[in-house]
Structures are given as C-alpha cells and as structure tokens.
C-alpha cells in the first residue's frame, strides 16, 4: 500500500482521508514550481506547468500492477473485470466529492 506523502499536502491529506474513498485513494500534486507557474505563457513552462491553480491527481494506494495503471484495470481475469468497474465508479465518486 502506498504510504509516501508529499510535503505541503498534509492538511489536504488529513481532510481527504476522512471522506469516503480516502482509505483507498490518495491525492498528489505537481512540483511546487509547476504549480506556481500554471498560468505562465513563458516558453519554458508551456506544457510543463500544472494544468490549473489547484490541480490535483487522484491515484490508488494499491501499487500492484493491475490497479496502478488504468490501462490494465480488469485485464487480469474475468472476475477482476467486475471489480475494476466498481473500482472506477468508486474512484469517480471520490473525485467528485473532493471537487
């Protein structure tokens, strides 16, 4: 299970972990310099900076290959396909509740 935290996200993680899905998913963000330059037109930052002022990533705490990469969700076997659909629905609900 993923346990690494990002400096500067302690408050967000404390709130996120209390909501539904917080035990299964984790929030992440870009590097601080990418966040600071999200609106920059500077050639150096175009395509490298964050997508918005408060852009966050939602990922799974389970780092096993069949859950870490969405491209392989449900590909392990037929039984996992149903679990993958449920997993994605839970992930979507968690993301919506955070916004």
PDB file of N, CA and C in Angstrom:
ATOM      1  N   UNK A   1       0.836  -1.189   0.000  1.00  0.00           N
ATOM      2  CA  UNK A   1       0.000   0.000   0.000  1.00  0.00           C
ATOM      3  C   UNK A   1       0.873   1.243   0.000  1.00  0.00           C
ATOM      4  N   UNK A   2       0.477   2.248  -0.778  1.00  0.00           N
ATOM      5  CA  UNK A   2       1.223   3.498  -0.845  1.00  0.00           C
ATOM      6  C   UNK A   2       1.132   4.285   0.453  1.00  0.00           C
ATOM      7  N   UNK A   3       2.270   4.698   0.971  1.00  0.00           N
ATOM      8  CA  UNK A   3       2.290   5.446   2.229  1.00  0.00           C
ATOM      9  C   UNK A   3       3.107   6.728   2.146  1.00  0.00           C
ATOM     10  N   UNK A   4       3.733   7.028   1.030  1.00  0.00           N
ATOM     11  CA  UNK A   4       4.557   8.219   0.894  1.00  0.00           C
ATOM     12  C   UNK A   4       3.648   9.446   0.817  1.00  0.00           C
ATOM     13  N   UNK A   5       4.018  10.505   1.517  1.00  0.00           N
ATOM     14  CA  UNK A   5       3.252  11.748   1.441  1.00  0.00           C
ATOM     15  C   UNK A   5       4.104  12.830   0.807  1.00  0.00           C
ATOM     16  N   UNK A   6       3.437  13.836   0.252  1.00  0.00           N
ATOM     17  CA  UNK A   6       4.137  14.952  -0.359  1.00  0.00           C
ATOM     18  C   UNK A   6       4.189  16.118   0.618  1.00  0.00           C
ATOM     19  N   UNK A   7       5.351  16.721   0.788  1.00  0.00           N
ATOM     20  CA  UNK A   7       5.444  17.899   1.650  1.00  0.00           C
ATOM     21  C   UNK A   7       4.493  18.991   1.156  1.00  0.00           C
ATOM     22  N   UNK A   8       3.832  19.644   2.086  1.00  0.00           N
ATOM     23  CA  UNK A   8       2.911  20.716   1.737  1.00  0.00           C
ATOM     24  C   UNK A   8       1.482  20.261   1.516  1.00  0.00           C
ATOM     25  N   UNK A   9       1.234  18.950   1.548  1.00  0.00           N
ATOM     26  CA  UNK A   9      -0.127  18.441   1.337  1.00  0.00           C
ATOM     27  C   UNK A   9      -0.707  17.821   2.606  1.00  0.00           C
ATOM     28  N   UNK A  10      -0.078  18.036   3.736  1.00  0.00           N
ATOM     29  CA  UNK A  10      -0.519  17.404   4.976  1.00  0.00           C
ATOM     30  C   UNK A  10      -1.965  17.750   5.319  1.00  0.00           C
ATOM     31  N   UNK A  11      -2.341  19.031   5.203  1.00  0.00           N
ATOM     32  CA  UNK A  11      -3.712  19.434   5.530  1.00  0.00           C
ATOM     33  C   UNK A  11      -4.713  18.812   4.563  1.00  0.00           C
ATOM     34  N   UNK A  12      -4.404  18.839   3.269  1.00  0.00           N
ATOM     35  CA  UNK A  12      -5.300  18.237   2.280  1.00  0.00           C
ATOM     36  C   UNK A  12      -5.477  16.744   2.541  1.00  0.00           C
ATOM     37  N   UNK A  13      -4.381  16.052   2.840  1.00  0.00           N
ATOM     38  CA  UNK A  13      -4.463  14.613   3.115  1.00  0.00           C
ATOM     39  C   UNK A  13      -5.288  14.331   4.359  1.00  0.00           C
ATOM     40  N   UNK A  14      -5.135  15.146   5.391  1.00  0.00           N
ATOM     41  CA  UNK A  14      -5.894  14.939   6.629  1.00  0.00           C
ATOM     42  C   UNK A  14      -7.391  15.037   6.359  1.00  0.00           C
ATOM     43  N   UNK A  15      -7.801  16.004   5.549  1.00  0.00           N
ATOM     44  CA  UNK A  15      -9.222  16.156   5.200  1.00  0.00           C
ATOM     45  C   UNK A  15      -9.655  15.029   4.271  1.00  0.00           C
ATOM     46  N   UNK A  16      -8.850  14.761   3.244  1.00  0.00           N
ATOM     47  CA  UNK A  16      -9.203  13.747   2.249  1.00  0.00           C
ATOM     48  C   UNK A  16      -9.372  12.369   2.874  1.00  0.00           C
ATOM     49  N   UNK A  17      -8.500  12.008   3.790  1.00  0.00           N
ATOM     50  CA  UNK A  17      -8.547  10.675   4.393  1.00  0.00           C
ATOM     51  C   UNK A  17      -9.794  10.453   5.238  1.00  0.00           C
ATOM     52  N   UNK A  18     -10.489  11.517   5.622  1.00  0.00           N
ATOM     53  CA  UNK A  18     -11.717  11.393   6.411  1.00  0.00           C
ATOM     54  C   UNK A  18     -12.945  11.160   5.539  1.00  0.00           C
ATOM     55  N   UNK A  19     -12.847  11.393   4.247  1.00  0.00           N
ATOM     56  CA  UNK A  19     -14.009  11.221   3.381  1.00  0.00           C
ATOM     57  C   UNK A  19     -14.039   9.822   2.789  1.00  0.00           C
ATOM     58  N   UNK A  20     -15.192   9.461   2.257  1.00  0.00           N
ATOM     59  CA  UNK A  20     -15.343   8.147   1.619  1.00  0.00           C
ATOM     60  C   UNK A  20     -14.309   8.014   0.505  1.00  0.00           C
ATOM     61  N   UNK A  21     -13.624   6.902   0.459  1.00  0.00           N
ATOM     62  CA  UNK A  21     -12.598   6.655  -0.545  1.00  0.00           C
ATOM     63  C   UNK A  21     -11.206   7.035  -0.088  1.00  0.00           C
ATOM     64  N   UNK A  22     -11.108   7.779   1.004  1.00  0.00           N
ATOM     65  CA  UNK A  22      -9.812   8.239   1.486  1.00  0.00           C
ATOM     66  C   UNK A  22      -8.874   7.127   1.902  1.00  0.00           C
ATOM     67  N   UNK A  23      -9.441   5.978   2.260  1.00  0.00           N
ATOM     68  CA  UNK A  23      -8.591   4.850   2.656  1.00  0.00           C
ATOM     69  C   UNK A  23      -8.082   4.072   1.445  1.00  0.00           C
ATOM     70  N   UNK A  24      -8.717   4.271   0.290  1.00  0.00           N
ATOM     71  CA  UNK A  24      -8.359   3.512  -0.907  1.00  0.00           C
ATOM     72  C   UNK A  24      -7.568   4.332  -1.932  1.00  0.00           C
ATOM     73  N   UNK A  25      -7.771   5.645  -1.883  1.00  0.00           N
ATOM     74  CA  UNK A  25      -7.139   6.528  -2.863  1.00  0.00           C
ATOM     75  C   UNK A  25      -6.273   7.567  -2.161  1.00  0.00           C
ATOM     76  N   UNK A  26      -5.438   8.242  -2.943  1.00  0.00           N
ATOM     77  CA  UNK A  26      -4.571   9.286  -2.399  1.00  0.00           C
ATOM     78  C   UNK A  26      -4.492  10.444  -3.399  1.00  0.00           C
ATOM     79  N   UNK A  27      -4.365  11.650  -2.866  1.00  0.00           N
ATOM     80  CA  UNK A  27      -4.180  12.836  -3.694  1.00  0.00           C
ATOM     81  C   UNK A  27      -2.694  13.086  -3.902  1.00  0.00           C
ATOM     82  N   UNK A  28      -2.365  13.604  -5.059  1.00  0.00           N
ATOM     83  CA  UNK A  28      -0.989  14.011  -5.346  1.00  0.00           C
ATOM     84  C   UNK A  28      -1.051  15.314  -6.129  1.00  0.00           C
ATOM     85  N   UNK A  29       0.066  15.977  -6.216  1.00  0.00           N
ATOM     86  CA  UNK A  29       0.110  17.223  -6.979  1.00  0.00           C
ATOM     87  C   UNK A  29       1.433  17.322  -7.724  1.00  0.00           C
ATOM     88  N   UNK A  30       1.520  18.311  -8.587  1.00  0.00           N
ATOM     89  CA  UNK A  30       2.757  18.578  -9.312  1.00  0.00           C
ATOM     90  C   UNK A  30       3.806  19.169  -8.380  1.00  0.00           C
ATOM     91  N   UNK A  31       4.997  19.329  -8.893  1.00  0.00           N
ATOM     92  CA  UNK A  31       6.054  20.013  -8.140  1.00  0.00           C
ATOM     93  C   UNK A  31       5.605  21.442  -7.823  1.00  0.00           C
ATOM     94  N   UNK A  32       6.056  22.022  -6.721  1.00  0.00           N
ATOM     95  CA  UNK A  32       5.657  23.393  -6.369  1.00  0.00           C
ATOM     96  C   UNK A  32       5.943  24.416  -7.468  1.00  0.00           C
ATOM     97  N   UNK A  33       7.080  24.295  -8.165  1.00  0.00           N
ATOM     98  CA  UNK A  33       7.376  25.263  -9.221  1.00  0.00           C
ATOM     99  C   UNK A  33       6.407  25.138 -10.392  1.00  0.00           C
ATOM    100  N   UNK A  34       5.929  23.942 -10.670  1.00  0.00           N
ATOM    101  CA  UNK A  34       4.939  23.753 -11.734  1.00  0.00           C
ATOM    102  C   UNK A  34       3.594  24.347 -11.320  1.00  0.00           C
ATOM    103  N   UNK A  35       3.235  24.215 -10.037  1.00  0.00           N
ATOM    104  CA  UNK A  35       2.003  24.831  -9.536  1.00  0.00           C
ATOM    105  C   UNK A  35       2.094  26.353  -9.601  1.00  0.00           C
ATOM    106  N   UNK A  36       3.224  26.904  -9.205  1.00  0.00           N
ATOM    107  CA  UNK A  36       3.404  28.359  -9.185  1.00  0.00           C
ATOM    108  C   UNK A  36       3.325  28.967 -10.579  1.00  0.00           C
ATOM    109  N   UNK A  37       3.676  28.218 -11.597  1.00  0.00           N
ATOM    110  CA  UNK A  37       3.723  28.741 -12.966  1.00  0.00           C
ATOM    111  C   UNK A  37       2.607  28.220 -13.856  1.00  0.00           C
ATOM    112  N   UNK A  38       1.507  27.793 -13.258  1.00  0.00           N
ATOM    113  CA  UNK A  38       0.429  27.169 -14.031  1.00  0.00           C
ATOM    114  C   UNK A  38      -0.127  28.088 -15.118  1.00  0.00           C
ATOM    115  N   UNK A  39      -0.137  29.395 -14.912  1.00  0.00           N
ATOM    116  CA  UNK A  39      -0.717  30.323 -15.891  1.00  0.00           C
ATOM    117  C   UNK A  39       0.344  30.995 -16.764  1.00  0.00           C
ATOM    118  N   UNK A  40       1.568  30.564 -16.665  1.00  0.00           N
ATOM    119  CA  UNK A  40       2.659  31.208 -17.392  1.00  0.00           C
ATOM    120  C   UNK A  40       2.568  30.961 -18.898  1.00  0.00           C
ATOM    121  N   UNK A  41       2.868  32.012 -19.649  1.00  0.00           N
ATOM    122  CA  UNK A  41       2.975  31.897 -21.108  1.00  0.00           C
ATOM    123  C   UNK A  41       4.432  31.713 -21.529  1.00  0.00           C
ATOM    124  N   UNK A  42       5.316  31.710 -20.548  1.00  0.00           N
ATOM    125  CA  UNK A  42       6.744  31.551 -20.810  1.00  0.00           C
ATOM    126  C   UNK A  42       6.983  30.215 -21.510  1.00  0.00           C
ATOM    127  N   UNK A  43       7.770  30.257 -22.559  1.00  0.00           N
ATOM    128  CA  UNK A  43       8.085  29.061 -23.343  1.00  0.00           C
ATOM    129  C   UNK A  43       8.593  27.910 -22.472  1.00  0.00           C
ATOM    130  N   UNK A  44       9.333  28.242 -21.428  1.00  0.00           N
ATOM    131  CA  UNK A  44       9.889  27.229 -20.526  1.00  0.00           C
ATOM    132  C   UNK A  44       8.792  26.434 -19.820  1.00  0.00           C
ATOM    133  N   UNK A  45       7.647  27.071 -19.515  1.00  0.00           N
ATOM    134  CA  UNK A  45       6.608  26.418 -18.719  1.00  0.00           C
ATOM    135  C   UNK A  45       5.467  25.829 -19.540  1.00  0.00           C
ATOM    136  N   UNK A  46       5.312  26.259 -20.781  1.00  0.00           N
ATOM    137  CA  UNK A  46       4.217  25.731 -21.605  1.00  0.00           C
ATOM    138  C   UNK A  46       4.410  24.229 -21.789  1.00  0.00           C
ATOM    139  N   UNK A  47       3.414  23.458 -21.405  1.00  0.00           N
ATOM    140  CA  UNK A  47       3.480  22.003 -21.491  1.00  0.00           C
ATOM    141  C   UNK A  47       4.140  21.335 -20.298  1.00  0.00           C
ATOM    142  N   UNK A  48       4.674  22.130 -19.363  1.00  0.00           N
ATOM    143  CA  UNK A  48       5.337  21.578 -18.182  1.00  0.00           C
ATOM    144  C   UNK A  48       4.648  21.984 -16.883  1.00  0.00           C
ATOM    145  N   UNK A  49       4.042  23.165 -16.874  1.00  0.00           N
ATOM    146  CA  UNK A  49       3.412  23.680 -15.655  1.00  0.00           C
ATOM    147  C   UNK A  49       2.111  22.928 -15.371  1.00  0.00           C
ATOM    148  N   UNK A  50       1.587  23.118 -14.170  1.00  0.00           N
ATOM    149  CA  UNK A  50       0.322  22.486 -13.777  1.00  0.00           C
ATOM    150  C   UNK A  50      -0.808  22.961 -14.685  1.00  0.00           C
ATOM    151  N   UNK A  51      -1.875  22.178 -14.761  1.00  0.00           N
ATOM    152  CA  UNK A  51      -2.994  22.486 -15.637  1.00  0.00           C
ATOM    153  C   UNK A  51      -3.917  23.561 -15.072  1.00  0.00           C
ATOM    154  N   UNK A  52      -3.865  23.796 -13.763  1.00  0.00           N
ATOM    155  CA  UNK A  52      -4.680  24.833 -13.125  1.00  0.00           C
ATOM    156  C   UNK A  52      -4.043  25.198 -11.789  1.00  0.00           C
ATOM    157  N   UNK A  53      -4.605  26.208 -11.134  1.00  0.00           N
ATOM    158  CA  UNK A  53      -4.030  26.698  -9.878  1.00  0.00           C
ATOM    159  C   UNK A  53      -4.050  25.644  -8.778  1.00  0.00           C
ATOM    160  N   UNK A  54      -5.073  24.801  -8.746  1.00  0.00           N
ATOM    161  CA  UNK A  54      -5.190  23.792  -7.686  1.00  0.00           C
ATOM    162  C   UNK A  54      -5.317  22.382  -8.270  1.00  0.00           C
ATOM    163  N   UNK A  55      -4.587  22.123  -9.332  1.00  0.00           N
ATOM    164  CA  UNK A  55      -4.647  20.819  -9.993  1.00  0.00           C
ATOM    165  C   UNK A  55      -4.156  19.718  -9.054  1.00  0.00           C
ATOM    166  N   UNK A  56      -4.939  18.647  -8.946  1.00  0.00           N
ATOM    167  CA  UNK A  56      -4.567  17.502  -8.116  1.00  0.00           C
ATOM    168  C   UNK A  56      -4.787  16.216  -8.907  1.00  0.00           C
ATOM    169  N   UNK A  57      -4.055  15.179  -8.547  1.00  0.00           N
ATOM    170  CA  UNK A  57      -4.191  13.858  -9.145  1.00  0.00           C
ATOM    171  C   UNK A  57      -4.823  12.938  -8.112  1.00  0.00           C
ATOM    172  N   UNK A  58      -5.694  12.071  -8.549  1.00  0.00           N
ATOM    173  CA  UNK A  58      -6.246  11.041  -7.677  1.00  0.00           C
ATOM    174  C   UNK A  58      -5.687   9.714  -8.159  1.00  0.00           C
ATOM    175  N   UNK A  59      -5.035   9.003  -7.272  1.00  0.00           N
ATOM    176  CA  UNK A  59      -4.473   7.706  -7.631  1.00  0.00           C
ATOM    177  C   UNK A  59      -4.777   6.706  -6.524  1.00  0.00           C
ATOM    178  N   UNK A  60      -4.476   5.464  -6.786  1.00  0.00           N
ATOM    179  CA  UNK A  60      -4.776   4.407  -5.830  1.00  0.00           C
ATOM    180  C   UNK A  60      -3.612   4.185  -4.863  1.00  0.00           C
ATOM    181  N   UNK A  61      -3.943   3.760  -3.662  1.00  0.00           N
ATOM    182  CA  UNK A  61      -2.899   3.400  -2.693  1.00  0.00           C
ATOM    183  C   UNK A  61      -2.333   2.014  -3.009  1.00  0.00           C
ATOM    184  N   UNK A  62      -3.107   1.206  -3.724  1.00  0.00           N
ATOM    185  CA  UNK A  62      -2.675  -0.142  -4.100  1.00  0.00           C
ATOM    186  C   UNK A  62      -1.731  -0.026  -5.293  1.00  0.00           C
ATOM    187  N   UNK A  63      -0.471  -0.327  -5.089  1.00  0.00           N
ATOM    188  CA  UNK A  63       0.532  -0.154  -6.135  1.00  0.00           C
ATOM    189  C   UNK A  63       0.785  -1.411  -6.961  1.00  0.00           C
ATOM    190  N   UNK A  64      -0.061  -2.437  -6.812  1.00  0.00           N
ATOM    191  CA  UNK A  64       0.102  -3.640  -7.631  1.00  0.00           C
ATOM    192  C   UNK A  64      -0.174  -3.293  -9.093  1.00  0.00           C
ATOM    193  N   UNK A  65       0.463  -3.988 -10.001  1.00  0.00           N
ATOM    194  CA  UNK A  65       0.396  -3.614 -11.412  1.00  0.00           C
ATOM    195  C   UNK A  65      -1.018  -3.589 -11.960  1.00  0.00           C
ATOM    196  N   UNK A  66      -1.917  -4.423 -11.483  1.00  0.00           N
ATOM    197  CA  UNK A  66      -3.264  -4.477 -12.054  1.00  0.00           C
ATOM    198  C   UNK A  66      -4.183  -3.386 -11.526  1.00  0.00           C
ATOM    199  N   UNK A  67      -3.753  -2.605 -10.537  1.00  0.00           N
ATOM    200  CA  UNK A  67      -4.566  -1.477 -10.065  1.00  0.00           C
ATOM    201  C   UNK A  67      -3.873  -0.135 -10.244  1.00  0.00           C
ATOM    202  N   UNK A  68      -2.581  -0.111 -10.435  1.00  0.00           N
ATOM    203  CA  UNK A  68      -1.889   1.172 -10.526  1.00  0.00           C
ATOM    204  C   UNK A  68      -2.087   1.840 -11.885  1.00  0.00           C
ATOM    205  N   UNK A  69      -2.176   1.080 -12.951  1.00  0.00           N
ATOM    206  CA  UNK A  69      -2.290   1.626 -14.300  1.00  0.00           C
ATOM    207  C   UNK A  69      -3.687   1.355 -14.846  1.00  0.00           C
ATOM    208  N   UNK A  70      -4.456   2.413 -15.086  1.00  0.00           N
ATOM    209  CA  UNK A  70      -5.844   2.262 -15.529  1.00  0.00           C
ATOM    210  C   UNK A  70      -5.945   1.480 -16.849  1.00  0.00           C
ATOM    211  N   UNK A  71      -4.903   1.463 -17.642  1.00  0.00           N
ATOM    212  CA  UNK A  71      -4.937   0.735 -18.911  1.00  0.00           C
ATOM    213  C   UNK A  71      -5.089  -0.769 -18.737  1.00  0.00           C
ATOM    214  N   UNK A  72      -4.751  -1.297 -17.555  1.00  0.00           N
ATOM    215  CA  UNK A  72      -4.852  -2.740 -17.344  1.00  0.00           C
ATOM    216  C   UNK A  72      -5.947  -3.119 -16.343  1.00  0.00           C
ATOM    217  N   UNK A  73      -6.758  -2.158 -15.894  1.00  0.00           N
ATOM    218  CA  UNK A  73      -7.867  -2.489 -14.991  1.00  0.00           C
ATOM    219  C   UNK A  73      -8.752  -3.542 -15.652  1.00  0.00           C
ATOM    220  N   UNK A  74      -9.025  -4.615 -14.958  1.00  0.00           N
ATOM    221  CA  UNK A  74      -9.927  -5.648 -15.450  1.00  0.00           C
ATOM    222  C   UNK A  74      -9.307  -6.646 -16.400  1.00  0.00           C
ATOM    223  N   UNK A  75      -8.025  -6.557 -16.664  1.00  0.00           N
ATOM    224  CA  UNK A  75      -7.393  -7.452 -17.632  1.00  0.00           C
ATOM    225  C   UNK A  75      -6.805  -8.713 -17.016  1.00  0.00           C
ATOM    226  N   UNK A  76      -6.720  -8.768 -15.698  1.00  0.00           N
ATOM    227  CA  UNK A  76      -6.111  -9.942 -15.057  1.00  0.00           C
ATOM    228  C   UNK A  76      -6.939 -11.189 -15.324  1.00  0.00           C
ATOM    229  N   UNK A  77      -8.247 -11.088 -15.088  1.00  0.00           N
ATOM    230  CA  UNK A  77      -9.158 -12.200 -15.359  1.00  0.00           C
ATOM    231  C   UNK A  77     -10.591 -11.663 -15.368  1.00  0.00           C
ATOM    232  N   UNK A  78     -11.547 -12.508 -15.715  1.00  0.00           N
ATOM    233  CA  UNK A  78     -12.947 -12.094 -15.818  1.00  0.00           C
ATOM    234  C   UNK A  78     -13.472 -11.587 -14.479  1.00  0.00           C
ATOM    235  N   UNK A  79     -13.079 -12.238 -13.404  1.00  0.00           N
ATOM    236  CA  UNK A  79     -13.529 -11.828 -12.074  1.00  0.00           C
ATOM    237  C   UNK A  79     -13.082 -10.398 -11.754  1.00  0.00           C
ATOM    238  N   UNK A  80     -11.876 -10.059 -12.168  1.00  0.00           N
ATOM    239  CA  UNK A  80     -11.371  -8.723 -11.877  1.00  0.00           C
ATOM    240  C   UNK A  80     -12.088  -7.652 -12.690  1.00  0.00           C
ATOM    241  N   UNK A  81     -12.664  -7.994 -13.819  1.00  0.00           N
ATOM    242  CA  UNK A  81     -13.362  -7.012 -14.642  1.00  0.00           C
ATOM    243  C   UNK A  81     -14.494  -6.351 -13.858  1.00  0.00           C
ATOM    244  N   UNK A  82     -15.297  -7.149 -13.157  1.00  0.00           N
ATOM    245  CA  UNK A  82     -16.371  -6.591 -12.327  1.00  0.00           C
ATOM    246  C   UNK A  82     -15.820  -5.719 -11.217  1.00  0.00           C
ATOM    247  N   UNK A  83     -14.730  -6.162 -10.602  1.00  0.00           N
ATOM    248  CA  UNK A  83     -14.093  -5.376  -9.544  1.00  0.00           C
ATOM    249  C   UNK A  83     -13.551  -4.062 -10.110  1.00  0.00           C
ATOM    250  N   UNK A  84     -13.040  -4.103 -11.336  1.00  0.00           N
ATOM    251  CA  UNK A  84     -12.491  -2.900 -11.964  1.00  0.00           C
ATOM    252  C   UNK A  84     -13.585  -1.869 -12.223  1.00  0.00           C
ATOM    253  N   UNK A  85     -14.737  -2.322 -12.664  1.00  0.00           N
ATOM    254  CA  UNK A  85     -15.859  -1.406 -12.900  1.00  0.00           C
ATOM    255  C   UNK A  85     -16.284  -0.752 -11.589  1.00  0.00           C
ATOM    256  N   UNK A  86     -16.402  -1.542 -10.536  1.00  0.00           N
ATOM    257  CA  UNK A  86     -16.747  -0.997  -9.214  1.00  0.00           C
ATOM    258  C   UNK A  86     -15.678  -0.019  -8.730  1.00  0.00           C
ATOM    259  N   UNK A  87     -14.425  -0.382  -8.939  1.00  0.00           N
ATOM    260  CA  UNK A  87     -13.300   0.455  -8.530  1.00  0.00           C
ATOM    261  C   UNK A  87     -13.365   1.821  -9.219  1.00  0.00           C
ATOM    262  N   UNK A  88     -13.611   1.822 -10.533  1.00  0.00           N
ATOM    263  CA  UNK A  88     -13.677   3.079 -11.276  1.00  0.00           C
ATOM    264  C   UNK A  88     -14.866   3.931 -10.842  1.00  0.00           C
ATOM    265  N   UNK A  89     -15.989   3.298 -10.547  1.00  0.00           N
ATOM    266  CA  UNK A  89     -17.149   4.051 -10.054  1.00  0.00           C
ATOM    267  C   UNK A  89     -16.843   4.682  -8.701  1.00  0.00           C
ATOM    268  N   UNK A  90     -16.170   3.938  -7.831  1.00  0.00           N
ATOM    269  CA  UNK A  90     -15.789   4.477  -6.522  1.00  0.00           C
ATOM    270  C   UNK A  90     -14.778   5.613  -6.680  1.00  0.00           C
ATOM    271  N   UNK A  91     -13.852   5.443  -7.602  1.00  0.00           N
ATOM    272  CA  UNK A  91     -12.852   6.481  -7.849  1.00  0.00           C
ATOM    273  C   UNK A  91     -13.520   7.758  -8.363  1.00  0.00           C
ATOM    274  N   UNK A  92     -14.473   7.607  -9.265  1.00  0.00           N
ATOM    275  CA  UNK A  92     -15.194   8.761  -9.797  1.00  0.00           C
ATOM    276  C   UNK A  92     -15.972   9.474  -8.690  1.00  0.00           C
ATOM    277  N   UNK A  93     -16.672   8.717  -7.861  1.00  0.00           N
ATOM    278  CA  UNK A  93     -17.437   9.312  -6.758  1.00  0.00           C
ATOM    279  C   UNK A  93     -16.512  10.043  -5.789  1.00  0.00           C
ATOM    280  N   UNK A  94     -15.346   9.467  -5.525  1.00  0.00           N
ATOM    281  CA  UNK A  94     -14.375  10.098  -4.629  1.00  0.00           C
ATOM    282  C   UNK A  94     -13.875  11.409  -5.229  1.00  0.00           C
ATOM    283  N   UNK A  95     -13.561  11.397  -6.510  1.00  0.00           N
ATOM    284  CA  UNK A  95     -13.075  12.614  -7.174  1.00  0.00           C
ATOM    285  C   UNK A  95     -14.145  13.700  -7.163  1.00  0.00           C
ATOM    286  N   UNK A  96     -15.376  13.336  -7.453  1.00  0.00           N
ATOM    287  CA  UNK A  96     -16.466  14.313  -7.474  1.00  0.00           C
ATOM    288  C   UNK A  96     -16.701  14.898  -6.089  1.00  0.00           C
ATOM    289  N   UNK A  97     -16.614  14.069  -5.065  1.00  0.00           N
ATOM    290  CA  UNK A  97     -16.848  14.571  -3.707  1.00  0.00           C
ATOM    291  C   UNK A  97     -15.733  15.506  -3.246  1.00  0.00           C
ATOM    292  N   UNK A  98     -14.554  15.400  -3.834  1.00  0.00           N
ATOM    293  CA  UNK A  98     -13.435  16.252  -3.445  1.00  0.00           C
ATOM    294  C   UNK A  98     -13.504  17.618  -4.117  1.00  0.00           C
ATOM    295  N   UNK A  99     -14.098  17.708  -5.292  1.00  0.00           N
ATOM    296  CA  UNK A  99     -14.108  18.976  -6.040  1.00  0.00           C
ATOM    297  C   UNK A  99     -15.022  20.003  -5.448  1.00  0.00           C
TER     298      UNK A  99
END
